[in-house]
């Protein structure tokens, strides 16, 4: 699977919330998004395992 930079557009309210959270916690916005998605994935183990299997098959 090719590794290239991604770009997303988020609603302005979300961006403001993320930037403010980053400021308050002194954490990089990318780290916050990674952590949040990781926590989300842990709550959906059935989807996480399916995604892992697909990724392994693509390697």
PDB file of N, CA and C in Angstrom:
ATOM      1  N   UNK A   1       0.846  -1.169   0.000  1.00  0.00           N
ATOM      2  CA  UNK A   1       0.000   0.000   0.000  1.00  0.00           C
ATOM      3  C   UNK A   1       0.896   1.239   0.000  1.00  0.00           C
ATOM      4  N   UNK A   2       0.655   2.131  -0.918  1.00  0.00           N
ATOM      5  CA  UNK A   2       1.474   3.341  -1.018  1.00  0.00           C
ATOM      6  C   UNK A   2       1.258   4.240   0.190  1.00  0.00           C
ATOM      7  N   UNK A   3       2.357   4.812   0.648  1.00  0.00           N
ATOM      8  CA  UNK A   3       2.279   5.727   1.792  1.00  0.00           C
ATOM      9  C   UNK A   3       2.461   7.145   1.271  1.00  0.00           C
ATOM     10  N   UNK A   4       1.391   7.913   1.302  1.00  0.00           N
ATOM     11  CA  UNK A   4       1.492   9.303   0.887  1.00  0.00           C
ATOM     12  C   UNK A   4       0.699  10.160   1.862  1.00  0.00           C
ATOM     13  N   UNK A   5       1.028  11.415   1.892  1.00  0.00           N
ATOM     14  CA  UNK A   5       0.369  12.339   2.815  1.00  0.00           C
ATOM     15  C   UNK A   5      -1.114  12.446   2.489  1.00  0.00           C
ATOM     16  N   UNK A   6      -1.906  12.587   3.537  1.00  0.00           N
ATOM     17  CA  UNK A   6      -3.344  12.751   3.371  1.00  0.00           C
ATOM     18  C   UNK A   6      -3.734  14.174   3.733  1.00  0.00           C
ATOM     19  N   UNK A   7      -4.809  14.595   3.161  1.00  0.00           N
ATOM     20  CA  UNK A   7      -5.325  15.920   3.474  1.00  0.00           C
ATOM     21  C   UNK A   7      -6.831  15.790   3.660  1.00  0.00           C
ATOM     22  N   UNK A   8      -7.339  16.386   4.723  1.00  0.00           N
ATOM     23  CA  UNK A   8      -8.766  16.330   5.002  1.00  0.00           C
ATOM     24  C   UNK A   8      -9.295  17.731   5.266  1.00  0.00           C
ATOM     25  N   UNK A   9     -10.565  17.910   4.986  1.00  0.00           N
ATOM     26  CA  UNK A   9     -11.239  19.161   5.337  1.00  0.00           C
ATOM     27  C   UNK A   9     -12.236  18.830   6.439  1.00  0.00           C
ATOM     28  N   UNK A  10     -12.102  19.538   7.545  1.00  0.00           N
ATOM     29  CA  UNK A  10     -13.003  19.351   8.670  1.00  0.00           C
ATOM     30  C   UNK A  10     -13.859  20.600   8.835  1.00  0.00           C
ATOM     31  N   UNK A  11     -15.031  20.437   9.440  1.00  0.00           N
ATOM     32  CA  UNK A  11     -15.854  21.619   9.731  1.00  0.00           C
ATOM     33  C   UNK A  11     -15.086  22.588  10.636  1.00  0.00           C
ATOM     34  N   UNK A  12     -15.318  23.864  10.446  1.00  0.00           N
ATOM     35  CA  UNK A  12     -14.592  24.895  11.188  1.00  0.00           C
ATOM     36  C   UNK A  12     -14.724  24.717  12.701  1.00  0.00           C
ATOM     37  N   UNK A  13     -15.910  24.344  13.162  1.00  0.00           N
ATOM     38  CA  UNK A  13     -16.126  24.145  14.601  1.00  0.00           C
ATOM     39  C   UNK A  13     -15.200  23.048  15.148  1.00  0.00           C
ATOM     40  N   UNK A  14     -15.046  21.966  14.390  1.00  0.00           N
ATOM     41  CA  UNK A  14     -14.160  20.881  14.807  1.00  0.00           C
ATOM     42  C   UNK A  14     -12.708  21.348  14.832  1.00  0.00           C
ATOM     43  N   UNK A  15     -12.305  22.082  13.814  1.00  0.00           N
ATOM     44  CA  UNK A  15     -10.927  22.577  13.730  1.00  0.00           C
ATOM     45  C   UNK A  15     -10.617  23.493  14.913  1.00  0.00           C
ATOM     46  N   UNK A  16     -11.539  24.366  15.245  1.00  0.00           N
ATOM     47  CA  UNK A  16     -11.347  25.257  16.394  1.00  0.00           C
ATOM     48  C   UNK A  16     -11.227  24.439  17.678  1.00  0.00           C
ATOM     49  N   UNK A  17     -12.077  23.444  17.838  1.00  0.00           N
ATOM     50  CA  UNK A  17     -12.041  22.575  19.017  1.00  0.00           C
ATOM     51  C   UNK A  17     -10.699  21.847  19.098  1.00  0.00           C
ATOM     52  N   UNK A  18     -10.238  21.293  17.978  1.00  0.00           N
ATOM     53  CA  UNK A  18      -8.965  20.573  17.934  1.00  0.00           C
ATOM     54  C   UNK A  18      -7.798  21.501  18.263  1.00  0.00           C
ATOM     55  N   UNK A  19      -7.779  22.666  17.662  1.00  0.00           N
ATOM     56  CA  UNK A  19      -6.692  23.623  17.928  1.00  0.00           C
ATOM     57  C   UNK A  19      -6.667  24.048  19.392  1.00  0.00           C
ATOM     58  N   UNK A  20      -7.837  24.294  19.951  1.00  0.00           N
ATOM     59  CA  UNK A  20      -7.912  24.706  21.352  1.00  0.00           C
ATOM     60  C   UNK A  20      -7.484  23.570  22.267  1.00  0.00           C
ATOM     61  N   UNK A  21      -7.923  22.353  21.970  1.00  0.00           N
ATOM     62  CA  UNK A  21      -7.528  21.178  22.754  1.00  0.00           C
ATOM     63  C   UNK A  21      -6.015  21.011  22.691  1.00  0.00           C
ATOM     64  N   UNK A  22      -5.458  21.195  21.522  1.00  0.00           N
ATOM     65  CA  UNK A  22      -4.012  21.100  21.339  1.00  0.00           C
ATOM     66  C   UNK A  22      -3.288  22.135  22.188  1.00  0.00           C
ATOM     67  N   UNK A  23      -3.796  23.344  22.203  1.00  0.00           N
ATOM     68  CA  UNK A  23      -3.199  24.415  22.997  1.00  0.00           C
ATOM     69  C   UNK A  23      -3.260  24.089  24.485  1.00  0.00           C
ATOM     70  N   UNK A  24      -4.413  23.665  24.950  1.00  0.00           N
ATOM     71  CA  UNK A  24      -4.613  23.384  26.379  1.00  0.00           C
ATOM     72  C   UNK A  24      -3.745  22.217  26.839  1.00  0.00           C
ATOM     73  N   UNK A  25      -3.668  21.165  26.022  1.00  0.00           N
ATOM     74  CA  UNK A  25      -2.917  19.964  26.411  1.00  0.00           C
ATOM     75  C   UNK A  25      -1.452  20.021  26.000  1.00  0.00           C
ATOM     76  N   UNK A  26      -1.098  21.027  25.189  1.00  0.00           N
ATOM     77  CA  UNK A  26       0.258  21.164  24.653  1.00  0.00           C
ATOM     78  C   UNK A  26       0.680  19.930  23.850  1.00  0.00           C
ATOM     79  N   UNK A  27      -0.282  19.339  23.141  1.00  0.00           N
ATOM     80  CA  UNK A  27      -0.019  18.188  22.272  1.00  0.00           C
ATOM     81  C   UNK A  27      -0.249  18.593  20.823  1.00  0.00           C
ATOM     82  N   UNK A  28       0.540  18.020  19.934  1.00  0.00           N
ATOM     83  CA  UNK A  28       0.392  18.253  18.505  1.00  0.00           C
ATOM     84  C   UNK A  28      -0.980  17.755  18.040  1.00  0.00           C
ATOM     85  N   UNK A  29      -1.585  18.483  17.133  1.00  0.00           N
ATOM     86  CA  UNK A  29      -2.908  18.114  16.623  1.00  0.00           C
ATOM     87  C   UNK A  29      -2.903  16.728  15.986  1.00  0.00           C
ATOM     88  N   UNK A  30      -1.840  16.400  15.284  1.00  0.00           N
ATOM     89  CA  UNK A  30      -1.764  15.077  14.650  1.00  0.00           C
ATOM     90  C   UNK A  30      -1.746  13.968  15.687  1.00  0.00           C
ATOM     91  N   UNK A  31      -1.020  14.194  16.781  1.00  0.00           N
ATOM     92  CA  UNK A  31      -0.962  13.207  17.858  1.00  0.00           C
ATOM     93  C   UNK A  31      -2.350  13.027  18.469  1.00  0.00           C
ATOM     94  N   UNK A  32      -3.047  14.140  18.697  1.00  0.00           N
ATOM     95  CA  UNK A  32      -4.400  14.057  19.249  1.00  0.00           C
ATOM     96  C   UNK A  32      -5.319  13.249  18.341  1.00  0.00           C
ATOM     97  N   UNK A  33      -5.237  13.480  17.036  1.00  0.00           N
ATOM     98  CA  UNK A  33      -6.075  12.731  16.097  1.00  0.00           C
ATOM     99  C   UNK A  33      -5.709  11.251  16.090  1.00  0.00           C
ATOM    100  N   UNK A  34      -4.411  10.944  16.133  1.00  0.00           N
ATOM    101  CA  UNK A  34      -3.979   9.542  16.184  1.00  0.00           C
ATOM    102  C   UNK A  34      -4.497   8.855  17.438  1.00  0.00           C
ATOM    103  N   UNK A  35      -4.357   9.529  18.574  1.00  0.00           N
ATOM    104  CA  UNK A  35      -4.824   8.958  19.839  1.00  0.00           C
ATOM    105  C   UNK A  35      -6.334   8.738  19.813  1.00  0.00           C
ATOM    106  N   UNK A  36      -7.060   9.717  19.322  1.00  0.00           N
ATOM    107  CA  UNK A  36      -8.521   9.615  19.277  1.00  0.00           C
ATOM    108  C   UNK A  36      -8.954   8.467  18.371  1.00  0.00           C
ATOM    109  N   UNK A  37      -8.314   8.342  17.217  1.00  0.00           N
ATOM    110  CA  UNK A  37      -8.688   7.261  16.313  1.00  0.00           C
ATOM    111  C   UNK A  37      -8.311   5.908  16.907  1.00  0.00           C
ATOM    112  N   UNK A  38      -7.167   5.845  17.579  1.00  0.00           N
ATOM    113  CA  UNK A  38      -6.761   4.606  18.242  1.00  0.00           C
ATOM    114  C   UNK A  38      -7.778   4.173  19.284  1.00  0.00           C
ATOM    115  N   UNK A  39      -8.261   5.127  20.079  1.00  0.00           N
ATOM    116  CA  UNK A  39      -9.284   4.818  21.084  1.00  0.00           C
ATOM    117  C   UNK A  39     -10.579   4.361  20.416  1.00  0.00           C
ATOM    118  N   UNK A  40     -10.941   5.001  19.331  1.00  0.00           N
ATOM    119  CA  UNK A  40     -12.143   4.614  18.584  1.00  0.00           C
ATOM    120  C   UNK A  40     -12.002   3.184  18.063  1.00  0.00           C
ATOM    121  N   UNK A  41     -10.844   2.867  17.514  1.00  0.00           N
ATOM    122  CA  UNK A  41     -10.612   1.526  16.973  1.00  0.00           C
ATOM    123  C   UNK A  41     -10.686   0.465  18.069  1.00  0.00           C
ATOM    124  N   UNK A  42     -10.195   0.785  19.252  1.00  0.00           N
ATOM    125  CA  UNK A  42     -10.241  -0.170  20.364  1.00  0.00           C
ATOM    126  C   UNK A  42     -11.683  -0.476  20.777  1.00  0.00           C
ATOM    127  N   UNK A  43     -12.572   0.457  20.582  1.00  0.00           N
ATOM    128  CA  UNK A  43     -13.985   0.240  20.936  1.00  0.00           C
ATOM    129  C   UNK A  43     -14.734  -0.520  19.851  1.00  0.00           C
ATOM    130  N   UNK A  44     -14.094  -0.720  18.701  1.00  0.00           N
ATOM    131  CA  UNK A  44     -14.709  -1.451  17.586  1.00  0.00           C
ATOM    132  C   UNK A  44     -13.805  -2.607  17.181  1.00  0.00           C
ATOM    133  N   UNK A  45     -13.569  -3.578  18.083  1.00  0.00           N
ATOM    134  CA  UNK A  45     -12.599  -4.640  17.808  1.00  0.00           C
ATOM    135  C   UNK A  45     -12.927  -5.480  16.579  1.00  0.00           C
ATOM    136  N   UNK A  46     -14.221  -5.668  16.280  1.00  0.00           N
ATOM    137  CA  UNK A  46     -14.582  -6.474  15.115  1.00  0.00           C
ATOM    138  C   UNK A  46     -14.150  -5.788  13.825  1.00  0.00           C
ATOM    139  N   UNK A  47     -14.304  -4.489  13.757  1.00  0.00           N
ATOM    140  CA  UNK A  47     -13.886  -3.739  12.566  1.00  0.00           C
ATOM    141  C   UNK A  47     -12.362  -3.668  12.521  1.00  0.00           C
ATOM    142  N   UNK A  48     -11.741  -3.445  13.658  1.00  0.00           N
ATOM    143  CA  UNK A  48     -10.278  -3.353  13.732  1.00  0.00           C
ATOM    144  C   UNK A  48      -9.629  -4.635  13.212  1.00  0.00           C
ATOM    145  N   UNK A  49     -10.136  -5.792  13.629  1.00  0.00           N
ATOM    146  CA  UNK A  49      -9.574  -7.068  13.173  1.00  0.00           C
ATOM    147  C   UNK A  49      -9.780  -7.267  11.676  1.00  0.00           C
ATOM    148  N   UNK A  50     -10.939  -6.895  11.181  1.00  0.00           N
ATOM    149  CA  UNK A  50     -11.213  -7.009   9.747  1.00  0.00           C
ATOM    150  C   UNK A  50     -10.250  -6.133   8.947  1.00  0.00           C
ATOM    151  N   UNK A  51     -10.027  -4.911   9.420  1.00  0.00           N
ATOM    152  CA  UNK A  51      -9.104  -3.983   8.753  1.00  0.00           C
ATOM    153  C   UNK A  51      -7.690  -4.550   8.766  1.00  0.00           C
ATOM    154  N   UNK A  52      -7.262  -5.098   9.907  1.00  0.00           N
ATOM    155  CA  UNK A  52      -5.919  -5.683  10.004  1.00  0.00           C
ATOM    156  C   UNK A  52      -5.750  -6.829   9.015  1.00  0.00           C
ATOM    157  N   UNK A  53      -6.768  -7.693   8.909  1.00  0.00           N
ATOM    158  CA  UNK A  53      -6.681  -8.820   7.962  1.00  0.00           C
ATOM    159  C   UNK A  53      -6.553  -8.315   6.529  1.00  0.00           C
ATOM    160  N   UNK A  54      -7.326  -7.315   6.172  1.00  0.00           N
ATOM    161  CA  UNK A  54      -7.266  -6.758   4.815  1.00  0.00           C
ATOM    162  C   UNK A  54      -5.891  -6.157   4.558  1.00  0.00           C
ATOM    163  N   UNK A  55      -5.376  -5.406   5.526  1.00  0.00           N
ATOM    164  CA  UNK A  55      -4.057  -4.785   5.358  1.00  0.00           C
ATOM    165  C   UNK A  55      -2.970  -5.843   5.197  1.00  0.00           C
ATOM    166  N   UNK A  56      -3.047  -6.922   5.972  1.00  0.00           N
ATOM    167  CA  UNK A  56      -2.064  -8.003   5.861  1.00  0.00           C
ATOM    168  C   UNK A  56      -2.124  -8.653   4.487  1.00  0.00           C
ATOM    169  N   UNK A  57      -3.321  -8.829   3.947  1.00  0.00           N
ATOM    170  CA  UNK A  57      -3.471  -9.431   2.623  1.00  0.00           C
ATOM    171  C   UNK A  57      -2.942  -8.527   1.515  1.00  0.00           C
ATOM    172  N   UNK A  58      -2.961  -7.233   1.752  1.00  0.00           N
ATOM    173  CA  UNK A  58      -2.478  -6.289   0.745  1.00  0.00           C
ATOM    174  C   UNK A  58      -0.961  -6.161   0.730  1.00  0.00           C
ATOM    175  N   UNK A  59      -0.311  -6.595   1.799  1.00  0.00           N
ATOM    176  CA  UNK A  59       1.159  -6.470   1.872  1.00  0.00           C
ATOM    177  C   UNK A  59       1.854  -7.462   0.984  1.00  0.00           C
TER     178      UNK A  59
END
